[in-house]
């Protein structure tokens, strides 16, 4: 039997499964949200540590991008309010 035959089918994260994941992460907090703890709170049969670890990694990247985007938007807004949107002419 090859390694390919032993491979589990790819998990598709439905909206409801993702919401359970987000609830678990929010319950634990950002520092304590680790795959094993998330799995325990979610209590979903067939969910592996690897499934959760991968999803957590992608989720954290998404959160980081969203935070950076908000930061850039706030900076642009602040510059507009100060009246300095462009470079000074020499």
PDB file of N, CA and C in Angstrom:
ATOM      1  N   UNK A   1       0.853  -1.186   0.000  1.00  0.00           N
ATOM      2  CA  UNK A   1       0.000   0.000   0.000  1.00  0.00           C
ATOM      3  C   UNK A   1       0.895   1.245   0.000  1.00  0.00           C
ATOM      4  N   UNK A   2       0.617   2.149  -0.886  1.00  0.00           N
ATOM      5  CA  UNK A   2       1.441   3.362  -0.980  1.00  0.00           C
ATOM      6  C   UNK A   2       0.963   4.422   0.012  1.00  0.00           C
ATOM      7  N   UNK A   3       1.817   5.424   0.199  1.00  0.00           N
ATOM      8  CA  UNK A   3       1.461   6.538   1.096  1.00  0.00           C
ATOM      9  C   UNK A   3       0.240   7.281   0.561  1.00  0.00           C
ATOM     10  N   UNK A   4       0.100   7.298  -0.745  1.00  0.00           N
ATOM     11  CA  UNK A   4      -1.033   7.987  -1.375  1.00  0.00           C
ATOM     12  C   UNK A   4      -2.356   7.331  -0.965  1.00  0.00           C
ATOM     13  N   UNK A   5      -2.382   6.025  -0.853  1.00  0.00           N
ATOM     14  CA  UNK A   5      -3.606   5.307  -0.496  1.00  0.00           C
ATOM     15  C   UNK A   5      -4.018   5.577   0.953  1.00  0.00           C
ATOM     16  N   UNK A   6      -3.064   5.931   1.808  1.00  0.00           N
ATOM     17  CA  UNK A   6      -3.358   6.183   3.212  1.00  0.00           C
ATOM     18  C   UNK A   6      -3.777   7.628   3.472  1.00  0.00           C
ATOM     19  N   UNK A   7      -3.654   8.474   2.480  1.00  0.00           N
ATOM     20  CA  UNK A   7      -3.945   9.900   2.651  1.00  0.00           C
ATOM     21  C   UNK A   7      -5.435  10.133   2.862  1.00  0.00           C
ATOM     22  N   UNK A   8      -5.755  10.978   3.866  1.00  0.00           N
ATOM     23  CA  UNK A   8      -7.159  11.335   4.118  1.00  0.00           C
ATOM     24  C   UNK A   8      -7.632  12.315   3.049  1.00  0.00           C
ATOM     25  N   UNK A   9      -8.935  12.331   2.798  1.00  0.00           N
ATOM     26  CA  UNK A   9      -9.450  13.322   1.847  1.00  0.00           C
ATOM     27  C   UNK A   9      -9.285  14.740   2.410  1.00  0.00           C
ATOM     28  N   UNK A  10      -9.123  15.685   1.527  1.00  0.00           N
ATOM     29  CA  UNK A  10      -8.944  17.084   1.914  1.00  0.00           C
ATOM     30  C   UNK A  10     -10.190  17.589   2.629  1.00  0.00           C
ATOM     31  N   UNK A  11      -9.968  18.313   3.728  1.00  0.00           N
ATOM     32  CA  UNK A  11     -11.078  18.875   4.489  1.00  0.00           C
ATOM     33  C   UNK A  11     -11.505  20.199   3.863  1.00  0.00           C
ATOM     34  N   UNK A  12     -12.784  20.339   3.624  1.00  0.00           N
ATOM     35  CA  UNK A  12     -13.324  21.605   3.141  1.00  0.00           C
ATOM     36  C   UNK A  12     -13.959  22.305   4.334  1.00  0.00           C
ATOM     37  N   UNK A  13     -13.477  23.520   4.608  1.00  0.00           N
ATOM     38  CA  UNK A  13     -13.976  24.284   5.754  1.00  0.00           C
ATOM     39  C   UNK A  13     -15.261  24.998   5.363  1.00  0.00           C
ATOM     40  N   UNK A  14     -16.385  24.417   5.762  1.00  0.00           N
ATOM     41  CA  UNK A  14     -17.685  25.049   5.506  1.00  0.00           C
ATOM     42  C   UNK A  14     -17.787  26.307   6.358  1.00  0.00           C
ATOM     43  N   UNK A  15     -18.742  27.149   6.049  1.00  0.00           N
ATOM     44  CA  UNK A  15     -18.941  28.387   6.808  1.00  0.00           C
ATOM     45  C   UNK A  15     -19.232  28.080   8.276  1.00  0.00           C
ATOM     46  N   UNK A  16     -20.060  27.074   8.530  1.00  0.00           N
ATOM     47  CA  UNK A  16     -20.401  26.747   9.920  1.00  0.00           C
ATOM     48  C   UNK A  16     -19.198  26.169  10.671  1.00  0.00           C
ATOM     49  N   UNK A  17     -18.388  25.357   9.995  1.00  0.00           N
ATOM     50  CA  UNK A  17     -17.186  24.805  10.624  1.00  0.00           C
ATOM     51  C   UNK A  17     -16.188  25.928  10.921  1.00  0.00           C
ATOM     52  N   UNK A  18     -16.047  26.854   9.988  1.00  0.00           N
ATOM     53  CA  UNK A  18     -15.152  27.997  10.192  1.00  0.00           C
ATOM     54  C   UNK A  18     -15.639  28.860  11.361  1.00  0.00           C
ATOM     55  N   UNK A  19     -16.942  29.047  11.478  1.00  0.00           N
ATOM     56  CA  UNK A  19     -17.488  29.845  12.580  1.00  0.00           C
ATOM     57  C   UNK A  19     -17.198  29.183  13.929  1.00  0.00           C
ATOM     58  N   UNK A  20     -17.284  27.861  13.977  1.00  0.00           N
ATOM     59  CA  UNK A  20     -16.940  27.142  15.210  1.00  0.00           C
ATOM     60  C   UNK A  20     -15.463  27.343  15.535  1.00  0.00           C
ATOM     61  N   UNK A  21     -14.639  27.330  14.493  1.00  0.00           N
ATOM     62  CA  UNK A  21     -13.205  27.556  14.652  1.00  0.00           C
ATOM     63  C   UNK A  21     -12.951  28.961  15.209  1.00  0.00           C
ATOM     64  N   UNK A  22     -13.577  29.974  14.615  1.00  0.00           N
ATOM     65  CA  UNK A  22     -13.403  31.365  15.051  1.00  0.00           C
ATOM     66  C   UNK A  22     -13.871  31.526  16.502  1.00  0.00           C
ATOM     67  N   UNK A  23     -14.994  30.916  16.845  1.00  0.00           N
ATOM     68  CA  UNK A  23     -15.492  30.976  18.227  1.00  0.00           C
ATOM     69  C   UNK A  23     -14.476  30.377  19.193  1.00  0.00           C
ATOM     70  N   UNK A  24     -13.890  29.243  18.811  1.00  0.00           N
ATOM     71  CA  UNK A  24     -12.895  28.587  19.660  1.00  0.00           C
ATOM     72  C   UNK A  24     -11.665  29.475  19.834  1.00  0.00           C
ATOM     73  N   UNK A  25     -11.198  30.080  18.748  1.00  0.00           N
ATOM     74  CA  UNK A  25     -10.030  30.967  18.809  1.00  0.00           C
ATOM     75  C   UNK A  25     -10.339  32.169  19.699  1.00  0.00           C
ATOM     76  N   UNK A  26     -11.516  32.750  19.537  1.00  0.00           N
ATOM     77  CA  UNK A  26     -11.894  33.907  20.352  1.00  0.00           C
ATOM     78  C   UNK A  26     -12.054  33.540  21.828  1.00  0.00           C
ATOM     79  N   UNK A  27     -12.561  32.354  22.093  1.00  0.00           N
ATOM     80  CA  UNK A  27     -12.714  31.885  23.472  1.00  0.00           C
ATOM     81  C   UNK A  27     -11.348  31.741  24.147  1.00  0.00           C
ATOM     82  N   UNK A  28     -10.398  31.178  23.419  1.00  0.00           N
ATOM     83  CA  UNK A  28      -9.069  30.943  23.978  1.00  0.00           C
ATOM     84  C   UNK A  28      -8.221  32.211  24.066  1.00  0.00           C
ATOM     85  N   UNK A  29      -8.437  33.118  23.129  1.00  0.00           N
ATOM     86  CA  UNK A  29      -7.594  34.304  23.061  1.00  0.00           C
ATOM     87  C   UNK A  29      -6.401  34.030  22.151  1.00  0.00           C
ATOM     88  N   UNK A  30      -5.780  35.088  21.642  1.00  0.00           N
ATOM     89  CA  UNK A  30      -4.716  34.919  20.647  1.00  0.00           C
ATOM     90  C   UNK A  30      -3.487  34.150  21.146  1.00  0.00           C
ATOM     91  N   UNK A  31      -3.138  34.297  22.401  1.00  0.00           N
ATOM     92  CA  UNK A  31      -1.935  33.635  22.939  1.00  0.00           C
ATOM     93  C   UNK A  31      -2.150  32.140  23.196  1.00  0.00           C
ATOM     94  N   UNK A  32      -3.347  31.779  23.616  1.00  0.00           N
ATOM     95  CA  UNK A  32      -3.626  30.384  23.990  1.00  0.00           C
ATOM     96  C   UNK A  32      -4.271  29.584  22.864  1.00  0.00           C
ATOM     97  N   UNK A  33      -4.526  30.204  21.729  1.00  0.00           N
ATOM     98  CA  UNK A  33      -5.167  29.511  20.610  1.00  0.00           C
ATOM     99  C   UNK A  33      -4.144  28.641  19.884  1.00  0.00           C
ATOM    100  N   UNK A  34      -4.090  27.394  20.286  1.00  0.00           N
ATOM    101  CA  UNK A  34      -3.213  26.413  19.650  1.00  0.00           C
ATOM    102  C   UNK A  34      -4.093  25.278  19.136  1.00  0.00           C
ATOM    103  N   UNK A  35      -3.630  24.565  18.106  1.00  0.00           N
ATOM    104  CA  UNK A  35      -4.482  23.543  17.478  1.00  0.00           C
ATOM    105  C   UNK A  35      -5.135  22.552  18.439  1.00  0.00           C
ATOM    106  N   UNK A  36      -4.389  22.039  19.391  1.00  0.00           N
ATOM    107  CA  UNK A  36      -4.947  21.028  20.297  1.00  0.00           C
ATOM    108  C   UNK A  36      -6.099  21.607  21.128  1.00  0.00           C
ATOM    109  N   UNK A  37      -5.924  22.817  21.638  1.00  0.00           N
ATOM    110  CA  UNK A  37      -6.974  23.460  22.438  1.00  0.00           C
ATOM    111  C   UNK A  37      -8.190  23.812  21.583  1.00  0.00           C
ATOM    112  N   UNK A  38      -7.933  24.269  20.375  1.00  0.00           N
ATOM    113  CA  UNK A  38      -9.022  24.613  19.448  1.00  0.00           C
ATOM    114  C   UNK A  38      -9.848  23.365  19.144  1.00  0.00           C
ATOM    115  N   UNK A  39      -9.157  22.261  18.859  1.00  0.00           N
ATOM    116  CA  UNK A  39      -9.854  21.004  18.565  1.00  0.00           C
ATOM    117  C   UNK A  39     -10.729  20.564  19.731  1.00  0.00           C
ATOM    118  N   UNK A  40     -10.215  20.719  20.942  1.00  0.00           N
ATOM    119  CA  UNK A  40     -10.957  20.297  22.133  1.00  0.00           C
ATOM    120  C   UNK A  40     -12.254  21.099  22.258  1.00  0.00           C
ATOM    121  N   UNK A  41     -12.179  22.403  22.031  1.00  0.00           N
ATOM    122  CA  UNK A  41     -13.370  23.257  22.130  1.00  0.00           C
ATOM    123  C   UNK A  41     -14.345  22.982  20.985  1.00  0.00           C
ATOM    124  N   UNK A  42     -13.811  22.813  19.763  1.00  0.00           N
ATOM    125  CA  UNK A  42     -14.683  22.581  18.604  1.00  0.00           C
ATOM    126  C   UNK A  42     -15.417  21.249  18.716  1.00  0.00           C
ATOM    127  N   UNK A  43     -14.724  20.206  19.210  1.00  0.00           N
ATOM    128  CA  UNK A  43     -15.316  18.882  19.385  1.00  0.00           C
ATOM    129  C   UNK A  43     -15.993  18.375  18.103  1.00  0.00           C
ATOM    130  N   UNK A  44     -15.205  18.314  17.024  1.00  0.00           N
ATOM    131  CA  UNK A  44     -15.709  17.844  15.736  1.00  0.00           C
ATOM    132  C   UNK A  44     -15.029  16.521  15.398  1.00  0.00           C
ATOM    133  N   UNK A  45     -15.818  15.487  15.179  1.00  0.00           N
ATOM    134  CA  UNK A  45     -15.280  14.171  14.854  1.00  0.00           C
ATOM    135  C   UNK A  45     -14.596  14.203  13.490  1.00  0.00           C
ATOM    136  N   UNK A  46     -13.413  13.579  13.418  1.00  0.00           N
ATOM    137  CA  UNK A  46     -12.695  13.482  12.149  1.00  0.00           C
ATOM    138  C   UNK A  46     -11.760  14.644  11.868  1.00  0.00           C
ATOM    139  N   UNK A  47     -11.826  15.679  12.666  1.00  0.00           N
ATOM    140  CA  UNK A  47     -10.961  16.850  12.502  1.00  0.00           C
ATOM    141  C   UNK A  47      -9.590  16.517  13.084  1.00  0.00           C
ATOM    142  N   UNK A  48      -8.532  16.736  12.301  1.00  0.00           N
ATOM    143  CA  UNK A  48      -7.192  16.409  12.784  1.00  0.00           C
ATOM    144  C   UNK A  48      -6.457  17.658  13.245  1.00  0.00           C
ATOM    145  N   UNK A  49      -5.408  17.436  14.008  1.00  0.00           N
ATOM    146  CA  UNK A  49      -4.565  18.524  14.472  1.00  0.00           C
ATOM    147  C   UNK A  49      -3.964  19.259  13.273  1.00  0.00           C
ATOM    148  N   UNK A  50      -3.605  18.512  12.237  1.00  0.00           N
ATOM    149  CA  UNK A  50      -3.021  19.102  11.045  1.00  0.00           C
ATOM    150  C   UNK A  50      -4.036  20.005  10.324  1.00  0.00           C
ATOM    151  N   UNK A  51      -5.303  19.576  10.279  1.00  0.00           N
ATOM    152  CA  UNK A  51      -6.363  20.402   9.678  1.00  0.00           C
ATOM    153  C   UNK A  51      -6.452  21.744  10.390  1.00  0.00           C
ATOM    154  N   UNK A  52      -6.482  21.681  11.705  1.00  0.00           N
ATOM    155  CA  UNK A  52      -6.651  22.887  12.516  1.00  0.00           C
ATOM    156  C   UNK A  52      -5.400  23.762  12.445  1.00  0.00           C
ATOM    157  N   UNK A  53      -4.223  23.144  12.495  1.00  0.00           N
ATOM    158  CA  UNK A  53      -2.972  23.908  12.445  1.00  0.00           C
ATOM    159  C   UNK A  53      -2.863  24.688  11.141  1.00  0.00           C
ATOM    160  N   UNK A  54      -3.191  24.052  10.050  1.00  0.00           N
ATOM    161  CA  UNK A  54      -3.135  24.707   8.745  1.00  0.00           C
ATOM    162  C   UNK A  54      -4.139  25.858   8.668  1.00  0.00           C
ATOM    163  N   UNK A  55      -5.350  25.600   9.145  1.00  0.00           N
ATOM    164  CA  UNK A  55      -6.399  26.622   9.100  1.00  0.00           C
ATOM    165  C   UNK A  55      -6.042  27.801  10.007  1.00  0.00           C
ATOM    166  N   UNK A  56      -5.452  27.507  11.168  1.00  0.00           N
ATOM    167  CA  UNK A  56      -5.046  28.558  12.096  1.00  0.00           C
ATOM    168  C   UNK A  56      -3.966  29.436  11.466  1.00  0.00           C
ATOM    169  N   UNK A  57      -3.035  28.819  10.788  1.00  0.00           N
ATOM    170  CA  UNK A  57      -1.966  29.571  10.126  1.00  0.00           C
ATOM    171  C   UNK A  57      -2.546  30.516   9.074  1.00  0.00           C
ATOM    172  N   UNK A  58      -3.448  30.021   8.262  1.00  0.00           N
ATOM    173  CA  UNK A  58      -4.091  30.851   7.231  1.00  0.00           C
ATOM    174  C   UNK A  58      -4.940  31.954   7.865  1.00  0.00           C
ATOM    175  N   UNK A  59      -5.627  31.625   8.942  1.00  0.00           N
ATOM    176  CA  UNK A  59      -6.482  32.588   9.639  1.00  0.00           C
ATOM    177  C   UNK A  59      -5.653  33.729  10.214  1.00  0.00           C
ATOM    178  N   UNK A  60      -4.512  33.393  10.818  1.00  0.00           N
ATOM    179  CA  UNK A  60      -3.640  34.424  11.380  1.00  0.00           C
ATOM    180  C   UNK A  60      -3.068  35.336  10.292  1.00  0.00           C
ATOM    181  N   UNK A  61      -2.728  34.768   9.152  1.00  0.00           N
ATOM    182  CA  UNK A  61      -2.241  35.578   8.029  1.00  0.00           C
ATOM    183  C   UNK A  61      -3.330  36.530   7.572  1.00  0.00           C
ATOM    184  N   UNK A  62      -4.565  36.030   7.475  1.00  0.00           N
ATOM    185  CA  UNK A  62      -5.704  36.861   7.062  1.00  0.00           C
ATOM    186  C   UNK A  62      -5.917  38.009   8.050  1.00  0.00           C
ATOM    187  N   UNK A  63      -5.849  37.715   9.346  1.00  0.00           N
ATOM    188  CA  UNK A  63      -6.029  38.751  10.369  1.00  0.00           C
ATOM    189  C   UNK A  63      -4.934  39.806  10.273  1.00  0.00           C
ATOM    190  N   UNK A  64      -3.708  39.366  10.047  1.00  0.00           N
ATOM    191  CA  UNK A  64      -2.581  40.288   9.935  1.00  0.00           C
ATOM    192  C   UNK A  64      -2.767  41.220   8.742  1.00  0.00           C
ATOM    193  N   UNK A  65      -3.184  40.668   7.607  1.00  0.00           N
ATOM    194  CA  UNK A  65      -3.425  41.492   6.411  1.00  0.00           C
ATOM    195  C   UNK A  65      -4.532  42.503   6.658  1.00  0.00           C
ATOM    196  N   UNK A  66      -5.598  42.074   7.321  1.00  0.00           N
ATOM    197  CA  UNK A  66      -6.722  42.966   7.610  1.00  0.00           C
ATOM    198  C   UNK A  66      -6.283  44.092   8.540  1.00  0.00           C
ATOM    199  N   UNK A  67      -5.465  43.767   9.531  1.00  0.00           N
ATOM    200  CA  UNK A  67      -4.966  44.776  10.475  1.00  0.00           C
ATOM    201  C   UNK A  67      -4.073  45.781   9.758  1.00  0.00           C
ATOM    202  N   UNK A  68      -3.203  45.281   8.887  1.00  0.00           N
ATOM    203  CA  UNK A  68      -2.308  46.166   8.134  1.00  0.00           C
ATOM    204  C   UNK A  68      -3.111  47.083   7.207  1.00  0.00           C
ATOM    205  N   UNK A  69      -4.150  46.536   6.599  1.00  0.00           N
ATOM    206  CA  UNK A  69      -4.985  47.317   5.692  1.00  0.00           C
ATOM    207  C   UNK A  69      -5.692  48.445   6.448  1.00  0.00           C
ATOM    208  N   UNK A  70      -6.193  48.126   7.660  1.00  0.00           N
ATOM    209  CA  UNK A  70      -6.843  49.146   8.483  1.00  0.00           C
ATOM    210  C   UNK A  70      -5.850  50.228   8.879  1.00  0.00           C
ATOM    211  N   UNK A  71      -4.630  49.818   9.207  1.00  0.00           N
ATOM    212  CA  UNK A  71      -3.591  50.762   9.594  1.00  0.00           C
ATOM    213  C   UNK A  71      -3.242  51.709   8.463  1.00  0.00           C
ATOM    214  N   UNK A  72      -3.148  51.187   7.251  1.00  0.00           N
ATOM    215  CA  UNK A  72      -2.847  52.024   6.082  1.00  0.00           C
ATOM    216  C   UNK A  72      -3.988  52.984   5.803  1.00  0.00           C
ATOM    217  N   UNK A  73      -5.227  52.492   5.927  1.00  0.00           N
ATOM    218  CA  UNK A  73      -6.396  53.340   5.680  1.00  0.00           C
ATOM    219  C   UNK A  73      -6.448  54.478   6.703  1.00  0.00           C
ATOM    220  N   UNK A  74      -6.142  54.179   7.954  1.00  0.00           N
ATOM    221  CA  UNK A  74      -6.151  55.206   9.002  1.00  0.00           C
ATOM    222  C   UNK A  74      -5.063  56.244   8.746  1.00  0.00           C
ATOM    223  N   UNK A  75      -3.915  55.799   8.265  1.00  0.00           N
ATOM    224  CA  UNK A  75      -2.804  56.710   7.975  1.00  0.00           C
ATOM    225  C   UNK A  75      -3.166  57.651   6.833  1.00  0.00           C
ATOM    226  N   UNK A  76      -3.780  57.108   5.785  1.00  0.00           N
ATOM    227  CA  UNK A  76      -4.200  57.925   4.645  1.00  0.00           C
ATOM    228  C   UNK A  76      -5.234  58.950   5.096  1.00  0.00           C
ATOM    229  N   UNK A  77      -6.188  58.523   5.909  1.00  0.00           N
ATOM    230  CA  UNK A  77      -7.228  59.426   6.414  1.00  0.00           C
ATOM    231  C   UNK A  77      -6.599  60.542   7.242  1.00  0.00           C
ATOM    232  N   UNK A  78      -5.651  60.189   8.083  1.00  0.00           N
ATOM    233  CA  UNK A  78      -4.969  61.163   8.929  1.00  0.00           C
ATOM    234  C   UNK A  78      -4.217  62.187   8.068  1.00  0.00           C
ATOM    235  N   UNK A  79      -3.548  61.718   7.029  1.00  0.00           N
ATOM    236  CA  UNK A  79      -2.805  62.618   6.142  1.00  0.00           C
ATOM    237  C   UNK A  79      -3.741  63.577   5.419  1.00  0.00           C
ATOM    238  N   UNK A  80      -4.890  63.058   5.007  1.00  0.00           N
ATOM    239  CA  UNK A  80      -5.868  63.918   4.315  1.00  0.00           C
ATOM    240  C   UNK A  80      -6.398  64.992   5.257  1.00  0.00           C
ATOM    241  N   UNK A  81      -6.658  64.599   6.506  1.00  0.00           N
ATOM    242  CA  UNK A  81      -7.185  65.556   7.478  1.00  0.00           C
ATOM    243  C   UNK A  81      -6.155  66.629   7.819  1.00  0.00           C
ATOM    244  N   UNK A  82      -4.867  66.261   7.766  1.00  0.00           N
ATOM    245  CA  UNK A  82      -3.807  67.221   8.045  1.00  0.00           C
ATOM    246  C   UNK A  82      -3.519  68.101   6.832  1.00  0.00           C
ATOM    247  N   UNK A  83      -4.061  67.690   5.690  1.00  0.00           N
ATOM    248  CA  UNK A  83      -3.854  68.486   4.470  1.00  0.00           C
ATOM    249  C   UNK A  83      -2.563  68.153   3.751  1.00  0.00           C
ATOM    250  N   UNK A  84      -1.869  67.169   4.150  1.00  0.00           N
ATOM    251  CA  UNK A  84      -0.624  66.812   3.498  1.00  0.00           C
ATOM    252  C   UNK A  84      -0.737  65.525   2.754  1.00  0.00           C
ATOM    253  N   UNK A  85      -1.358  65.462   1.664  1.00  0.00           N
ATOM    254  CA  UNK A  85      -1.481  64.214   0.926  1.00  0.00           C
ATOM    255  C   UNK A  85      -0.363  64.005  -0.055  1.00  0.00           C
ATOM    256  N   UNK A  86       0.381  65.042  -0.386  1.00  0.00           N
ATOM    257  CA  UNK A  86       1.427  64.881  -1.390  1.00  0.00           C
ATOM    258  C   UNK A  86       2.726  65.477  -0.925  1.00  0.00           C
ATOM    259  N   UNK A  87       3.707  65.374  -1.832  1.00  0.00           N
ATOM    260  CA  UNK A  87       5.026  65.917  -1.519  1.00  0.00           C
ATOM    261  C   UNK A  87       5.037  67.420  -1.703  1.00  0.00           C
ATOM    262  N   UNK A  88       5.849  68.087  -0.924  1.00  0.00           N
ATOM    263  CA  UNK A  88       6.000  69.527  -1.070  1.00  0.00           C
ATOM    264  C   UNK A  88       6.818  69.827  -2.313  1.00  0.00           C
ATOM    265  N   UNK A  89       6.425  70.869  -3.042  1.00  0.00           N
ATOM    266  CA  UNK A  89       7.159  71.240  -4.253  1.00  0.00           C
ATOM    267  C   UNK A  89       8.391  72.044  -3.869  1.00  0.00           C
ATOM    268  N   UNK A  90       9.465  71.775  -4.622  1.00  0.00           N
ATOM    269  CA  UNK A  90      10.720  72.492  -4.338  1.00  0.00           C
ATOM    270  C   UNK A  90      10.913  73.622  -5.305  1.00  0.00           C
TER     271      UNK A  90
END
